[in-house]
């Protein structure tokens, strides 16, 4: 029986020949199937039949999809987050779930500062004014000397914190697990979440979406923030309660927000359009040429390793072992 691999991640299709060659060198086959984007559950149920390995972007791999995957042995995300995959059901079925841990933290960190700088210096408003023929010098604020609160000091959070130190910012961090060696080396202070929210001028979110982090930033959390503070979210949309953020912005409870992720993506009937103090990007955190190259290599390596009896680069459900 062959080792057939289906790649759903649209951003990789410009490298189709490279993917075919990479898979063939490892005893696997690149599966050509007609894919209509966005991929819904019904279509995905058809696409996953008779394949052994699957590479997904943000397509939702539900229990129903997994029930249709009659040969599937491994799923790899093309990023770091995996909340769109029913990991518990995959584990029950003996399917390895893996991700591209460590592949895109620099891309996400740099976009974090792109949003922060745009908000702080009102770059987006200035650009829009000039395109409309207006010369309006806006006054902004500096990052230097401000307090940055990083919620989630994993690899991406650490990259954001280091850039903050480079900007001359005081850095606070909140996480369930403390890396005190890193924090001490870079003068970063771990604090409770409430203290971080009260003292930070910029709050940057870099946590995975779990039952514990869903709506982590809600009405209460936003009420703790300074009226001069900005919220930046490059984690997952539901980490922030959207209705609470909209209300906080309308009331002037915070100074603004930089958003790369949303509760529902793609976002329809966007409530943030009305706010001049909100900068938005369409989930571009890991969308750089360099991150695409790294995640392409790692996601295909994950799948090929498992299909050839070896562990993947990064496994989400290590309790599933297929012979290694």
Protein backbone atom coordinates (compact mmCIF):
# COMPACT_ATOMS: atom_id res chain seq x y z
CA UNK A 1 0.00 0.00 0.00
CA UNK A 2 1.32 3.48 -0.90
CA UNK A 3 1.86 6.41 1.42
CA UNK A 4 -0.40 9.09 0.03
CA UNK A 5 -0.14 12.63 1.40
CA UNK A 6 -2.70 15.40 0.92
CA UNK A 7 -1.59 19.01 1.45
CA UNK A 8 -4.41 21.49 2.12
CA UNK A 9 -2.26 24.52 2.95
CA UNK A 10 -2.85 26.91 0.05
CA UNK A 11 0.32 28.95 0.69
CA UNK A 12 2.45 25.92 -0.24
CA UNK A 13 0.99 25.39 -3.70
CA UNK A 14 3.59 27.57 -5.39
CA UNK A 15 6.07 24.87 -4.28
CA UNK A 16 4.10 21.94 -5.72
CA UNK A 17 7.08 20.45 -7.58
CA UNK A 18 9.27 20.81 -4.50
CA UNK A 19 6.64 19.02 -2.40
CA UNK A 20 6.32 16.22 -4.95
CA UNK A 21 10.08 15.72 -4.99
CA UNK A 22 10.44 15.91 -1.20
CA UNK A 23 7.72 13.30 -0.67
CA UNK A 24 8.94 10.99 -3.43
CA UNK A 25 12.46 10.94 -1.97
CA UNK A 26 10.91 9.64 1.24
CA UNK A 27 8.68 7.00 -0.26
CA UNK A 28 5.50 9.07 -0.23
CA UNK A 29 3.17 10.40 -2.95
CA UNK A 30 1.76 13.90 -3.37
CA UNK A 31 -2.01 13.55 -3.84
CA UNK A 32 -3.61 15.79 -6.47
CA UNK A 33 -7.24 16.60 -5.62
CA UNK A 34 -9.53 19.45 -6.50
CA UNK A 35 -9.81 21.68 -3.42
CA UNK A 36 -12.35 24.50 -3.10
CA UNK A 37 -11.48 27.15 -0.52
CA UNK A 38 -12.59 27.73 2.14
CA UNK A 39 -12.71 24.00 2.88
CA UNK A 40 -15.81 23.09 4.88
CA UNK A 41 -16.45 19.90 6.83
CA UNK A 42 -18.45 18.27 4.04
CA UNK A 43 -15.68 18.72 1.48
CA UNK A 44 -12.98 17.70 3.93
CA UNK A 45 -14.81 14.46 4.67
CA UNK A 46 -14.42 13.57 0.99
CA UNK A 47 -10.84 14.80 0.69
CA UNK A 48 -9.48 12.69 3.56
CA UNK A 49 -10.63 9.34 2.22
CA UNK A 50 -7.82 6.98 1.18
CA UNK A 51 -4.94 9.16 2.32
CA UNK A 52 -2.23 8.32 4.86
CA UNK A 53 -0.88 11.75 5.74
CA UNK A 54 -2.53 15.17 5.92
CA UNK A 55 -1.04 18.68 6.09
CA UNK A 56 -3.56 21.34 7.11
CA UNK A 57 -3.62 25.08 7.48
CA UNK A 58 -6.55 26.31 9.60
CA UNK A 59 -9.07 23.82 8.21
CA UNK A 60 -11.14 22.27 10.99
CA UNK A 61 -10.43 18.58 11.42
CA UNK A 62 -13.47 17.45 13.39
CA UNK A 63 -14.49 14.07 14.80
CA UNK A 64 -16.71 13.61 11.77
CA UNK A 65 -13.82 14.28 9.39
CA UNK A 66 -11.65 11.80 11.27
CA UNK A 67 -14.39 9.17 11.03
CA UNK A 68 -14.13 9.45 7.24
CA UNK A 69 -10.34 9.16 7.20
CA UNK A 70 -10.15 5.41 6.68
CA UNK A 71 -6.34 5.24 6.28
CA UNK A 72 -5.08 8.36 8.03
CA UNK A 73 -2.06 7.89 10.28
CA UNK A 74 -0.70 11.42 10.76
CA UNK A 75 -1.84 15.04 10.63
CA UNK A 76 0.56 17.97 10.65
CA UNK A 77 -0.47 21.58 10.99
CA UNK A 78 1.49 24.06 8.91
CA UNK A 79 1.87 26.29 11.94
CA UNK A 80 2.07 26.03 15.71
CA UNK A 81 -1.57 26.19 16.87
CA UNK A 82 -3.67 23.03 16.73
CA UNK A 83 -6.96 24.04 18.36
CA UNK A 84 -8.70 23.46 15.00
CA UNK A 85 -7.95 19.72 15.23
CA UNK A 86 -9.91 17.33 17.45
CA UNK A 87 -6.78 15.96 19.11
CA UNK A 88 -8.71 13.78 21.56
CA UNK A 89 -10.54 12.00 18.74
CA UNK A 90 -7.36 11.65 16.70
CA UNK A 91 -5.65 10.12 19.72
CA UNK A 92 -8.54 7.71 20.23
CA UNK A 93 -8.14 6.60 16.63
CA UNK A 94 -4.35 6.22 16.92
CA UNK A 95 -3.59 9.15 14.61
CA UNK A 96 -0.46 11.21 15.29
CA UNK A 97 -1.01 14.97 15.47
CA UNK A 98 2.06 17.18 14.99
CA UNK A 99 2.89 20.83 14.46
CA UNK A 100 5.72 23.11 13.33
CA UNK A 101 6.88 24.14 16.76
CA UNK A 102 9.68 26.70 16.56
CA UNK A 103 9.17 27.65 12.92
CA UNK A 104 7.48 31.04 12.93
CA UNK A 105 8.04 32.83 16.25
CA UNK A 106 10.24 35.52 14.65
CA UNK A 107 7.60 36.26 12.01
CA UNK A 108 4.88 36.56 14.66
CA UNK A 109 7.08 38.66 16.94
CA UNK A 110 7.95 41.10 14.16
CA UNK A 111 4.31 41.54 13.16
CA UNK A 112 3.53 42.18 16.83
CA UNK A 113 5.82 45.20 16.68
CA UNK A 114 4.43 46.23 13.32
CA UNK A 115 1.00 46.54 14.95
CA UNK A 116 2.42 48.14 18.10
CA UNK A 117 4.35 50.79 16.17
CA UNK A 118 1.41 51.53 13.91
CA UNK A 119 -0.79 52.10 16.94
CA UNK A 120 1.82 54.03 18.93
CA UNK A 121 2.78 56.39 16.08
CA UNK A 122 -0.61 56.31 14.29
CA UNK A 123 1.07 55.19 11.10
CA UNK A 124 -2.10 53.70 9.63
CA UNK A 125 -4.05 56.94 10.19
CA UNK A 126 -1.27 59.07 8.73
CA UNK A 127 -1.03 56.89 5.65
CA UNK A 128 -4.78 57.05 5.10
CA UNK A 129 -4.83 60.84 5.51
CA UNK A 130 -2.07 61.35 2.95
CA UNK A 131 -3.80 59.08 0.44
CA UNK A 132 -6.85 61.29 0.86
CA UNK A 133 -4.79 64.43 0.21
CA UNK A 134 -4.57 65.58 3.82
CA UNK A 135 -1.38 66.64 5.63
CA UNK A 136 -2.12 65.90 9.30
CA UNK A 137 0.94 65.40 11.56
CA UNK A 138 -0.31 63.11 14.32
CA UNK A 139 1.23 62.95 17.78
CA UNK A 140 1.95 59.45 19.03
CA UNK A 141 3.83 57.84 21.88
CA UNK A 142 7.23 56.17 22.12
CA UNK A 143 7.82 52.54 22.96
CA UNK A 144 11.01 53.45 24.83
CA UNK A 145 10.44 53.50 28.58
CA UNK A 146 6.96 51.96 28.34
CA UNK A 147 5.90 48.72 30.04
CA UNK A 148 5.24 45.71 27.84
CA UNK A 149 3.15 42.88 29.26
CA UNK A 150 3.67 39.54 27.51
CA UNK A 151 0.96 36.99 28.25
CA UNK A 152 2.46 33.62 27.38
CA UNK A 153 6.25 33.52 27.53
CA UNK A 154 6.81 30.56 25.23
CA UNK A 155 9.05 30.74 22.16
CA UNK A 156 7.00 33.49 20.50
CA UNK A 157 6.48 35.37 23.74
CA UNK A 158 10.21 35.25 24.40
CA UNK A 159 10.95 36.64 20.93
CA UNK A 160 8.48 39.48 21.59
CA UNK A 161 10.03 40.14 25.00
CA UNK A 162 13.56 40.33 23.56
CA UNK A 163 12.46 42.86 20.94
CA UNK A 164 10.80 44.83 23.73
CA UNK A 165 14.06 44.96 25.65
CA UNK A 166 15.72 46.15 22.44
CA UNK A 167 13.23 49.03 22.30
CA UNK A 168 14.13 49.95 25.87
CA UNK A 169 10.88 48.70 27.36
CA UNK A 170 10.28 47.32 30.82
CA UNK A 171 8.95 43.78 30.29
CA UNK A 172 6.47 41.94 32.49
CA UNK A 173 5.39 38.37 31.77
CA UNK A 174 2.63 36.01 32.83
CA UNK A 175 2.64 32.27 32.22
CA UNK A 176 1.70 29.05 34.00
CA UNK A 177 5.26 27.73 33.64
CA UNK A 178 8.15 30.04 34.53
CA UNK A 179 11.43 30.06 32.62
CA UNK A 180 13.32 31.94 35.31
CA UNK A 181 16.68 31.42 33.62
CA UNK A 182 15.48 33.30 30.52
CA UNK A 183 13.64 35.94 32.54
CA UNK A 184 16.57 36.67 34.83
CA UNK A 185 19.02 36.84 31.94
CA UNK A 186 16.89 39.48 30.18
CA UNK A 187 15.51 41.45 33.14
CA UNK A 188 11.95 40.21 32.67
CA UNK A 189 9.64 40.00 35.69
CA UNK A 190 6.97 37.32 36.07
CA UNK A 191 3.82 38.75 37.66
CA UNK A 192 0.17 37.73 38.19
CA UNK A 193 -2.08 38.52 35.24
CA UNK A 194 -4.00 41.25 37.07
CA UNK A 195 -0.78 43.12 37.90
CA UNK A 196 0.40 42.80 34.30
CA UNK A 197 -2.88 44.22 32.99
CA UNK A 198 -2.83 47.13 35.45
CA UNK A 199 0.75 48.19 34.79
CA UNK A 200 1.32 47.52 31.07
CA UNK A 201 1.18 50.14 28.34
CA UNK A 202 1.08 47.37 25.73
CA UNK A 203 -0.44 43.94 26.45
CA UNK A 204 0.65 41.32 23.91
CA UNK A 205 -1.06 37.90 23.84
CA UNK A 206 0.88 34.76 22.89
CA UNK A 207 -0.95 31.86 24.51
CA UNK A 208 -2.49 28.78 22.85
CA UNK A 209 -6.27 28.49 22.73
CA UNK A 210 -7.36 26.09 25.47
CA UNK A 211 -10.46 25.92 27.69
CA UNK A 212 -8.47 27.93 30.25
CA UNK A 213 -7.42 30.70 27.84
CA UNK A 214 -10.74 31.08 25.99
CA UNK A 215 -11.97 34.61 26.81
CA UNK A 216 -8.93 35.16 29.02
CA UNK A 217 -9.32 38.82 28.10
CA UNK A 218 -12.92 39.60 28.97
CA UNK A 219 -14.81 42.56 30.46
CA UNK A 220 -13.04 42.21 33.80
CA UNK A 221 -9.57 41.97 32.26
CA UNK A 222 -10.14 44.96 29.98
CA UNK A 223 -11.41 47.01 32.92
CA UNK A 224 -8.06 46.46 34.64
CA UNK A 225 -6.07 47.97 31.77
CA UNK A 226 -4.98 51.60 31.63
CA UNK A 227 -7.06 53.91 29.41
CA UNK A 228 -3.77 54.71 27.65
CA UNK A 229 -2.90 51.03 27.04
CA UNK A 230 -3.04 49.03 23.81
CA UNK A 231 -4.04 45.37 23.42
CA UNK A 232 -2.24 43.25 20.79
CA UNK A 233 -3.55 39.79 19.86
CA UNK A 234 -1.52 37.44 17.68
CA UNK A 235 -2.53 34.32 19.61
CA UNK A 236 -6.01 33.04 18.73
CA UNK A 237 -9.16 35.10 18.29
CA UNK A 238 -11.22 33.55 21.12
CA UNK A 239 -8.50 34.36 23.67
CA UNK A 240 -10.21 37.79 23.60
CA UNK A 241 -13.96 38.13 24.09
CA UNK A 242 -14.82 40.11 20.98
CA UNK A 243 -17.99 41.74 22.31
CA UNK A 244 -16.13 42.90 25.42
CA UNK A 245 -13.32 44.42 23.36
CA UNK A 246 -15.76 46.25 21.07
CA UNK A 247 -17.52 47.72 24.10
CA UNK A 248 -14.22 48.71 25.73
CA UNK A 249 -13.16 50.52 22.56
CA UNK A 250 -16.50 52.32 22.27
CA UNK A 251 -16.24 53.51 25.86
CA UNK A 252 -12.61 54.58 25.50
CA UNK A 253 -11.65 52.09 28.17
CA UNK A 254 -8.35 51.34 26.38
CA UNK A 255 -6.36 53.34 23.83
CA UNK A 256 -6.65 50.87 20.95
CA UNK A 257 -5.97 47.37 19.69
CA UNK A 258 -3.84 45.53 17.14
CA UNK A 259 -5.57 42.38 15.91
CA UNK A 260 -4.25 39.63 13.66
CA UNK A 261 -6.78 37.00 14.81
CA UNK A 262 -10.53 36.99 15.36
CA UNK A 263 -13.20 34.87 17.02
CA UNK A 264 -14.45 33.70 13.62
CA UNK A 265 -12.18 33.67 10.59
CA UNK A 266 -12.57 35.02 8.02
CA UNK A 267 -14.43 37.73 9.92
CA UNK A 268 -17.77 38.89 8.49
CA UNK A 269 -19.67 42.03 9.48
CA UNK A 270 -16.47 43.31 11.09
CA UNK A 271 -17.32 45.42 14.18
CA UNK A 272 -13.80 46.88 14.39
CA UNK A 273 -14.03 48.84 11.13
CA UNK A 274 -15.58 51.80 12.94
CA UNK A 275 -12.52 52.33 15.15
CA UNK A 276 -9.64 54.52 13.98
CA UNK A 277 -7.56 53.18 16.88
CA UNK A 278 -7.66 49.55 15.71
CA UNK A 279 -5.15 48.06 13.28
CA UNK A 280 -6.12 44.74 11.69
CA UNK A 281 -4.37 42.08 9.62
CA UNK A 282 -5.93 38.82 8.31
CA UNK A 283 -4.05 36.22 10.40
CA UNK A 284 -0.66 37.08 8.89
CA UNK A 285 1.48 36.22 11.92
CA UNK A 286 3.40 33.40 10.26
CA UNK A 287 3.02 34.63 6.69
CA UNK A 288 6.57 35.41 5.67
CA UNK A 289 8.70 33.82 2.99
CA UNK A 290 11.12 32.54 5.61
CA UNK A 291 8.45 31.06 7.89
CA UNK A 292 6.73 29.45 4.90
CA UNK A 293 9.97 27.69 3.95
CA UNK A 294 10.52 26.45 7.49
CA UNK A 295 6.94 25.27 8.04
CA UNK A 296 6.81 23.59 4.63
CA UNK A 297 9.90 21.57 5.47
CA UNK A 298 8.76 20.73 8.99
CA UNK A 299 5.17 19.80 8.14
CA UNK A 300 6.28 17.47 5.35
CA UNK A 301 9.00 16.05 7.60
CA UNK A 302 6.41 15.37 10.31
CA UNK A 303 4.24 13.40 7.91
CA UNK A 304 7.05 11.50 6.18
CA UNK A 305 8.72 10.57 9.45
CA UNK A 306 5.57 9.02 10.85
CA UNK A 307 4.74 7.20 7.63
CA UNK A 308 8.25 5.74 7.67
CA UNK A 309 8.10 4.62 11.29
CA UNK A 310 9.94 7.52 12.91
CA UNK A 311 8.77 10.19 15.36
CA UNK A 312 7.76 13.59 13.97
CA UNK A 313 9.60 16.85 14.61
CA UNK A 314 6.99 17.93 17.17
CA UNK A 315 4.11 15.76 18.37
CA UNK A 316 1.03 17.12 20.09
CA UNK A 317 -0.26 13.73 21.33
CA UNK A 318 2.89 11.79 22.34
CA UNK A 319 0.79 8.95 23.75
CA UNK A 320 0.27 7.77 20.15
CA UNK A 321 3.34 5.81 19.01
CA UNK A 322 3.41 4.06 15.67
CA UNK A 323 6.37 1.72 16.04
CA UNK A 324 9.30 4.00 16.83
